[in-house]
Structures are given as C-alpha cells and as structure tokens.
Amino acid sequence: MNEIYLTPEQLVKRWAGLVTEKTLANWRHIGEGPKYTKIGGRVAYPIELIEEYEKKRIRNPESIR
C-alpha cells in the first residue's frame, strides 16, 4: 500500500489558503481538525484521512428545509 501524505504547507495549498499552517498547528494542539501522524518528527496528513475529513464537512442547505 502506497500511502500518500501531505505536509501542513501542502494542505494549506490544497484548501486554497482557507486555513493557515498556524490554524492547523492550533487544531493539532486542541485535538481538532484532520487526523495526522508524525514521521521522523514531522507532521504528515494521510491523504485518505484528509478526503474523509472533507467529505464529512460537505453541507447541503437544501436538506435543512
């Protein structure tokens, strides 16, 4: 299995700068945000978990009615 990981910088780019690296660091500190791992002391976000995180946050205003 070839796991693909994103760095915090890459994740910020993926999300078009809607969050900052500082926000990601704060989320990690308080246990919020997407799941991550540390490899060699560096933070890495498995792309599979990022995609899950994104899907869980899709909102459909039509379903509220």
PDB file of N, CA and C in Angstrom:
ATOM      1  N   MET A   1       0.842  -1.179   0.000  1.00  0.00           N
ATOM      2  CA  MET A   1       0.000   0.000   0.000  1.00  0.00           C
ATOM      3  C   MET A   1       0.890   1.247   0.000  1.00  0.00           C
ATOM      4  N   ASN A   2       0.717   2.092  -0.983  1.00  0.00           N
ATOM      5  CA  ASN A   2       1.486   3.327  -1.083  1.00  0.00           C
ATOM      6  C   ASN A   2       0.669   4.482  -0.532  1.00  0.00           C
ATOM      7  N   GLU A   3       0.906   4.794   0.716  1.00  0.00           N
ATOM      8  CA  GLU A   3       0.189   5.887   1.381  1.00  0.00           C
ATOM      9  C   GLU A   3       0.760   7.216   0.904  1.00  0.00           C
ATOM     10  N   ILE A   4      -0.118   8.148   0.603  1.00  0.00           N
ATOM     11  CA  ILE A   4       0.310   9.485   0.210  1.00  0.00           C
ATOM     12  C   ILE A   4       0.035  10.418   1.377  1.00  0.00           C
ATOM     13  N   TYR A   5       1.004  11.252   1.694  1.00  0.00           N
ATOM     14  CA  TYR A   5       0.904  12.187   2.810  1.00  0.00           C
ATOM     15  C   TYR A   5       1.055  13.614   2.312  1.00  0.00           C
ATOM     16  N   LEU A   6       0.402  14.533   3.007  1.00  0.00           N
ATOM     17  CA  LEU A   6       0.572  15.954   2.740  1.00  0.00           C
ATOM     18  C   LEU A   6       1.233  16.601   3.944  1.00  0.00           C
ATOM     19  N   THR A   7       2.113  17.540   3.682  1.00  0.00           N
ATOM     20  CA  THR A   7       2.670  18.355   4.756  1.00  0.00           C
ATOM     21  C   THR A   7       1.631  19.420   5.105  1.00  0.00           C
ATOM     22  N   PRO A   8       1.786  20.084   6.247  1.00  0.00           N
ATOM     23  CA  PRO A   8       0.866  21.178   6.546  1.00  0.00           C
ATOM     24  C   PRO A   8       0.843  22.234   5.428  1.00  0.00           C
ATOM     25  N   GLU A   9       1.990  22.548   4.879  1.00  0.00           N
ATOM     26  CA  GLU A   9       2.065  23.535   3.788  1.00  0.00           C
ATOM     27  C   GLU A   9       1.259  23.068   2.578  1.00  0.00           C
ATOM     28  N   GLN A  10       1.372  21.790   2.226  1.00  0.00           N
ATOM     29  CA  GLN A  10       0.617  21.257   1.095  1.00  0.00           C
ATOM     30  C   GLN A  10      -0.885  21.267   1.363  1.00  0.00           C
ATOM     31  N   LEU A  11      -1.258  20.999   2.619  1.00  0.00           N
ATOM     32  CA  LEU A  11      -2.672  21.004   2.965  1.00  0.00           C
ATOM     33  C   LEU A  11      -3.246  22.415   2.861  1.00  0.00           C
ATOM     34  N   VAL A  12      -2.490  23.403   3.299  1.00  0.00           N
ATOM     35  CA  VAL A  12      -2.931  24.800   3.157  1.00  0.00           C
ATOM     36  C   VAL A  12      -3.160  25.114   1.681  1.00  0.00           C
ATOM     37  N   LYS A  13      -2.254  24.677   0.821  1.00  0.00           N
ATOM     38  CA  LYS A  13      -2.413  24.904  -0.624  1.00  0.00           C
ATOM     39  C   LYS A  13      -3.634  24.161  -1.164  1.00  0.00           C
ATOM     40  N   ARG A  14      -3.834  22.925  -0.725  1.00  0.00           N
ATOM     41  CA  ARG A  14      -4.991  22.136  -1.172  1.00  0.00           C
ATOM     42  C   ARG A  14      -6.279  22.878  -0.845  1.00  0.00           C
ATOM     43  N   TRP A  15      -6.314  23.494   0.322  1.00  0.00           N
ATOM     44  CA  TRP A  15      -7.512  24.211   0.770  1.00  0.00           C
ATOM     45  C   TRP A  15      -7.473  25.683   0.371  1.00  0.00           C
ATOM     46  N   ALA A  16      -6.639  26.003  -0.605  1.00  0.00           N
ATOM     47  CA  ALA A  16      -6.577  27.339  -1.214  1.00  0.00           C
ATOM     48  C   ALA A  16      -6.380  28.443  -0.172  1.00  0.00           C
ATOM     49  N   GLY A  17      -5.628  28.167   0.865  1.00  0.00           N
ATOM     50  CA  GLY A  17      -5.335  29.174   1.866  1.00  0.00           C
ATOM     51  C   GLY A  17      -6.496  29.521   2.783  1.00  0.00           C
ATOM     52  N   LEU A  18      -7.559  28.707   2.780  1.00  0.00           N
ATOM     53  CA  LEU A  18      -8.708  28.982   3.650  1.00  0.00           C
ATOM     54  C   LEU A  18      -8.369  28.796   5.123  1.00  0.00           C
ATOM     55  N   VAL A  19      -7.323  28.019   5.393  1.00  0.00           N
ATOM     56  CA  VAL A  19      -6.756  27.906   6.738  1.00  0.00           C
ATOM     57  C   VAL A  19      -5.254  28.131   6.599  1.00  0.00           C
ATOM     58  N   THR A  20      -4.621  28.452   7.686  1.00  0.00           N
ATOM     59  CA  THR A  20      -3.173  28.676   7.670  1.00  0.00           C
ATOM     60  C   THR A  20      -2.462  27.516   8.367  1.00  0.00           C
ATOM     61  N   GLU A  21      -1.153  27.485   8.217  1.00  0.00           N
ATOM     62  CA  GLU A  21      -0.372  26.472   8.933  1.00  0.00           C
ATOM     63  C   GLU A  21      -0.518  26.666  10.442  1.00  0.00           C
ATOM     64  N   LYS A  22      -0.647  27.908  10.870  1.00  0.00           N
ATOM     65  CA  LYS A  22      -0.833  28.183  12.297  1.00  0.00           C
ATOM     66  C   LYS A  22      -2.166  27.609  12.776  1.00  0.00           C
ATOM     67  N   THR A  23      -3.212  27.739  11.968  1.00  0.00           N
ATOM     68  CA  THR A  23      -4.512  27.166  12.330  1.00  0.00           C
ATOM     69  C   THR A  23      -4.399  25.652  12.452  1.00  0.00           C
ATOM     70  N   LEU A  24      -3.720  25.017  11.510  1.00  0.00           N
ATOM     71  CA  LEU A  24      -3.527  23.571  11.575  1.00  0.00           C
ATOM     72  C   LEU A  24      -2.785  23.190  12.855  1.00  0.00           C
ATOM     73  N   ALA A  25      -1.755  23.955  13.203  1.00  0.00           N
ATOM     74  CA  ALA A  25      -0.991  23.686  14.426  1.00  0.00           C
ATOM     75  C   ALA A  25      -1.891  23.836  15.653  1.00  0.00           C
ATOM     76  N   ASN A  26      -2.721  24.873  15.668  1.00  0.00           N
ATOM     77  CA  ASN A  26      -3.653  25.069  16.783  1.00  0.00           C
ATOM     78  C   ASN A  26      -4.634  23.916  16.877  1.00  0.00           C
ATOM     79  N   TRP A  27      -5.167  23.488  15.743  1.00  0.00           N
ATOM     80  CA  TRP A  27      -6.098  22.354  15.732  1.00  0.00           C
ATOM     81  C   TRP A  27      -5.429  21.110  16.303  1.00  0.00           C
ATOM     82  N   ARG A  28      -4.184  20.855  15.899  1.00  0.00           N
ATOM     83  CA  ARG A  28      -3.476  19.678  16.416  1.00  0.00           C
ATOM     84  C   ARG A  28      -3.334  19.785  17.925  1.00  0.00           C
ATOM     85  N   HIS A  29      -3.024  20.969  18.405  1.00  0.00           N
ATOM     86  CA  HIS A  29      -2.818  21.193  19.841  1.00  0.00           C
ATOM     87  C   HIS A  29      -4.089  20.934  20.652  1.00  0.00           C
ATOM     88  N   ILE A  30      -5.248  21.318  20.108  1.00  0.00           N
ATOM     89  CA  ILE A  30      -6.507  21.158  20.849  1.00  0.00           C
ATOM     90  C   ILE A  30      -7.283  19.905  20.446  1.00  0.00           C
ATOM     91  N   GLY A  31      -6.709  19.100  19.554  1.00  0.00           N
ATOM     92  CA  GLY A  31      -7.352  17.855  19.161  1.00  0.00           C
ATOM     93  C   GLY A  31      -8.469  18.018  18.151  1.00  0.00           C
ATOM     94  N   GLU A  32      -8.429  19.086  17.377  1.00  0.00           N
ATOM     95  CA  GLU A  32      -9.422  19.337  16.325  1.00  0.00           C
ATOM     96  C   GLU A  32      -8.787  19.093  14.956  1.00  0.00           C
ATOM     97  N   GLY A  33      -9.575  19.274  13.934  1.00  0.00           N
ATOM     98  CA  GLY A  33      -9.054  19.190  12.572  1.00  0.00           C
ATOM     99  C   GLY A  33      -8.827  17.771  12.110  1.00  0.00           C
ATOM    100  N   PRO A  34      -8.208  17.640  10.936  1.00  0.00           N
ATOM    101  CA  PRO A  34      -7.986  16.312  10.365  1.00  0.00           C
ATOM    102  C   PRO A  34      -6.945  15.522  11.157  1.00  0.00           C
ATOM    103  N   LYS A  35      -7.084  14.211  11.114  1.00  0.00           N
ATOM    104  CA  LYS A  35      -6.119  13.336  11.781  1.00  0.00           C
ATOM    105  C   LYS A  35      -4.776  13.422  11.058  1.00  0.00           C
ATOM    106  N   TYR A  36      -3.721  13.224  11.811  1.00  0.00           N
ATOM    107  CA  TYR A  36      -2.370  13.311  11.261  1.00  0.00           C
ATOM    108  C   TYR A  36      -1.478  12.295  11.951  1.00  0.00           C
ATOM    109  N   THR A  37      -0.288  12.166  11.423  1.00  0.00           N
ATOM    110  CA  THR A  37       0.718  11.314  12.043  1.00  0.00           C
ATOM    111  C   THR A  37       2.020  12.102  12.086  1.00  0.00           C
ATOM    112  N   LYS A  38       2.961  11.601  12.818  1.00  0.00           N
ATOM    113  CA  LYS A  38       4.296  12.203  12.820  1.00  0.00           C
ATOM    114  C   LYS A  38       5.270  11.152  12.306  1.00  0.00           C
ATOM    115  N   ILE A  39       6.045  11.545  11.342  1.00  0.00           N
ATOM    116  CA  ILE A  39       7.047  10.660  10.753  1.00  0.00           C
ATOM    117  C   ILE A  39       8.374  11.398  10.821  1.00  0.00           C
ATOM    118  N   GLY A  40       9.313  10.824  11.540  1.00  0.00           N
ATOM    119  CA  GLY A  40      10.611  11.487  11.694  1.00  0.00           C
ATOM    120  C   GLY A  40      10.486  12.852  12.348  1.00  0.00           C
ATOM    121  N   GLY A  41       9.498  12.985  13.234  1.00  0.00           N
ATOM    122  CA  GLY A  41       9.299  14.250  13.927  1.00  0.00           C
ATOM    123  C   GLY A  41       8.532  15.294  13.138  1.00  0.00           C
ATOM    124  N   ARG A  42       8.130  14.952  11.927  1.00  0.00           N
ATOM    125  CA  ARG A  42       7.387  15.896  11.077  1.00  0.00           C
ATOM    126  C   ARG A  42       5.927  15.494  10.988  1.00  0.00           C
ATOM    127  N   VAL A  43       5.074  16.486  10.917  1.00  0.00           N
ATOM    128  CA  VAL A  43       3.635  16.250  10.802  1.00  0.00           C
ATOM    129  C   VAL A  43       3.320  15.842   9.360  1.00  0.00           C
ATOM    130  N   ALA A  44       2.505  14.793   9.217  1.00  0.00           N
ATOM    131  CA  ALA A  44       2.084  14.330   7.900  1.00  0.00           C
ATOM    132  C   ALA A  44       0.604  13.969   7.960  1.00  0.00           C
ATOM    133  N   TYR A  45      -0.138  14.428   6.966  1.00  0.00           N
ATOM    134  CA  TYR A  45      -1.569  14.152   6.888  1.00  0.00           C
ATOM    135  C   TYR A  45      -1.812  13.119   5.788  1.00  0.00           C
ATOM    136  N   PRO A  46      -2.271  11.906   6.159  1.00  0.00           N
ATOM    137  CA  PRO A  46      -2.587  10.912   5.130  1.00  0.00           C
ATOM    138  C   PRO A  46      -3.721  11.431   4.237  1.00  0.00           C
ATOM    139  N   ILE A  47      -3.520  11.410   2.946  1.00  0.00           N
ATOM    140  CA  ILE A  47      -4.498  11.960   2.005  1.00  0.00           C
ATOM    141  C   ILE A  47      -5.865  11.292   2.163  1.00  0.00           C
ATOM    142  N   GLU A  48      -5.862   9.993   2.460  1.00  0.00           N
ATOM    143  CA  GLU A  48      -7.121   9.267   2.669  1.00  0.00           C
ATOM    144  C   GLU A  48      -7.941   9.908   3.789  1.00  0.00           C
ATOM    145  N   LEU A  49      -7.281  10.266   4.877  1.00  0.00           N
ATOM    146  CA  LEU A  49      -7.972  10.868   6.021  1.00  0.00           C
ATOM    147  C   LEU A  49      -8.383  12.310   5.736  1.00  0.00           C
ATOM    148  N   ILE A  50      -7.602  13.011   4.918  1.00  0.00           N
ATOM    149  CA  ILE A  50      -7.975  14.371   4.512  1.00  0.00           C
ATOM    150  C   ILE A  50      -9.257  14.309   3.684  1.00  0.00           C
ATOM    151  N   GLU A  51      -9.334  13.363   2.756  1.00  0.00           N
ATOM    152  CA  GLU A  51     -10.533  13.229   1.925  1.00  0.00           C
ATOM    153  C   GLU A  51     -11.756  12.879   2.771  1.00  0.00           C
ATOM    154  N   GLU A  52     -11.593  12.012   3.764  1.00  0.00           N
ATOM    155  CA  GLU A  52     -12.691  11.690   4.696  1.00  0.00           C
ATOM    156  C   GLU A  52     -13.135  12.943   5.441  1.00  0.00           C
ATOM    157  N   TYR A  53     -12.178  13.692   5.958  1.00  0.00           N
ATOM    158  CA  TYR A  53     -12.448  14.913   6.706  1.00  0.00           C
ATOM    159  C   TYR A  53     -13.245  15.894   5.843  1.00  0.00           C
ATOM    160  N   GLU A  54     -12.830  16.041   4.598  1.00  0.00           N
ATOM    161  CA  GLU A  54     -13.517  16.962   3.687  1.00  0.00           C
ATOM    162  C   GLU A  54     -14.949  16.494   3.405  1.00  0.00           C
ATOM    163  N   LYS A  55     -15.128  15.205   3.165  1.00  0.00           N
ATOM    164  CA  LYS A  55     -16.465  14.681   2.865  1.00  0.00           C
ATOM    165  C   LYS A  55     -17.424  14.886   4.030  1.00  0.00           C
ATOM    166  N   LYS A  56     -16.929  14.746   5.246  1.00  0.00           N
ATOM    167  CA  LYS A  56     -17.778  14.913   6.432  1.00  0.00           C
ATOM    168  C   LYS A  56     -18.244  16.354   6.594  1.00  0.00           C
ATOM    169  N   ARG A  57     -17.572  17.285   5.952  1.00  0.00           N
ATOM    170  CA  ARG A  57     -17.901  18.691   6.116  1.00  0.00           C
ATOM    171  C   ARG A  57     -18.726  19.263   4.975  1.00  0.00           C
ATOM    172  N   ILE A  58     -19.089  18.446   4.015  1.00  0.00           N
ATOM    173  CA  ILE A  58     -19.937  18.925   2.919  1.00  0.00           C
ATOM    174  C   ILE A  58     -21.323  19.193   3.476  1.00  0.00           C
ATOM    175  N   ARG A  59     -21.827  20.365   3.185  1.00  0.00           N
ATOM    176  CA  ARG A  59     -23.144  20.774   3.668  1.00  0.00           C
ATOM    177  C   ARG A  59     -24.103  20.933   2.494  1.00  0.00           C
ATOM    178  N   ASN A  60     -25.341  20.582   2.736  1.00  0.00           N
ATOM    179  CA  ASN A  60     -26.381  20.721   1.731  1.00  0.00           C
ATOM    180  C   ASN A  60     -27.508  21.549   2.318  1.00  0.00           C
ATOM    181  N   PRO A  61     -27.516  22.852   2.036  1.00  0.00           N
ATOM    182  CA  PRO A  61     -28.554  23.722   2.605  1.00  0.00           C
ATOM    183  C   PRO A  61     -29.969  23.266   2.272  1.00  0.00           C
ATOM    184  N   GLU A  62     -30.166  22.590   1.172  1.00  0.00           N
ATOM    185  CA  GLU A  62     -31.487  22.124   0.765  1.00  0.00           C
ATOM    186  C   GLU A  62     -32.028  21.077   1.742  1.00  0.00           C
ATOM    187  N   SER A  63     -31.147  20.323   2.396  1.00  0.00           N
ATOM    188  CA  SER A  63     -31.594  19.253   3.283  1.00  0.00           C
ATOM    189  C   SER A  63     -32.092  19.777   4.632  1.00  0.00           C
ATOM    190  N   ILE A  64     -31.873  21.053   4.894  1.00  0.00           N
ATOM    191  CA  ILE A  64     -32.283  21.653   6.171  1.00  0.00           C
ATOM    192  C   ILE A  64     -33.781  21.949   6.174  1.00  0.00           C
ATOM    193  N   ARG A  65     -34.344  22.182   5.020  1.00  0.00           N
ATOM    194  CA  ARG A  65     -35.746  22.592   4.909  1.00  0.00           C
ATOM    195  C   ARG A  65     -36.696  21.537   5.310  1.00  0.00           C
TER     196      ARG A  65
END
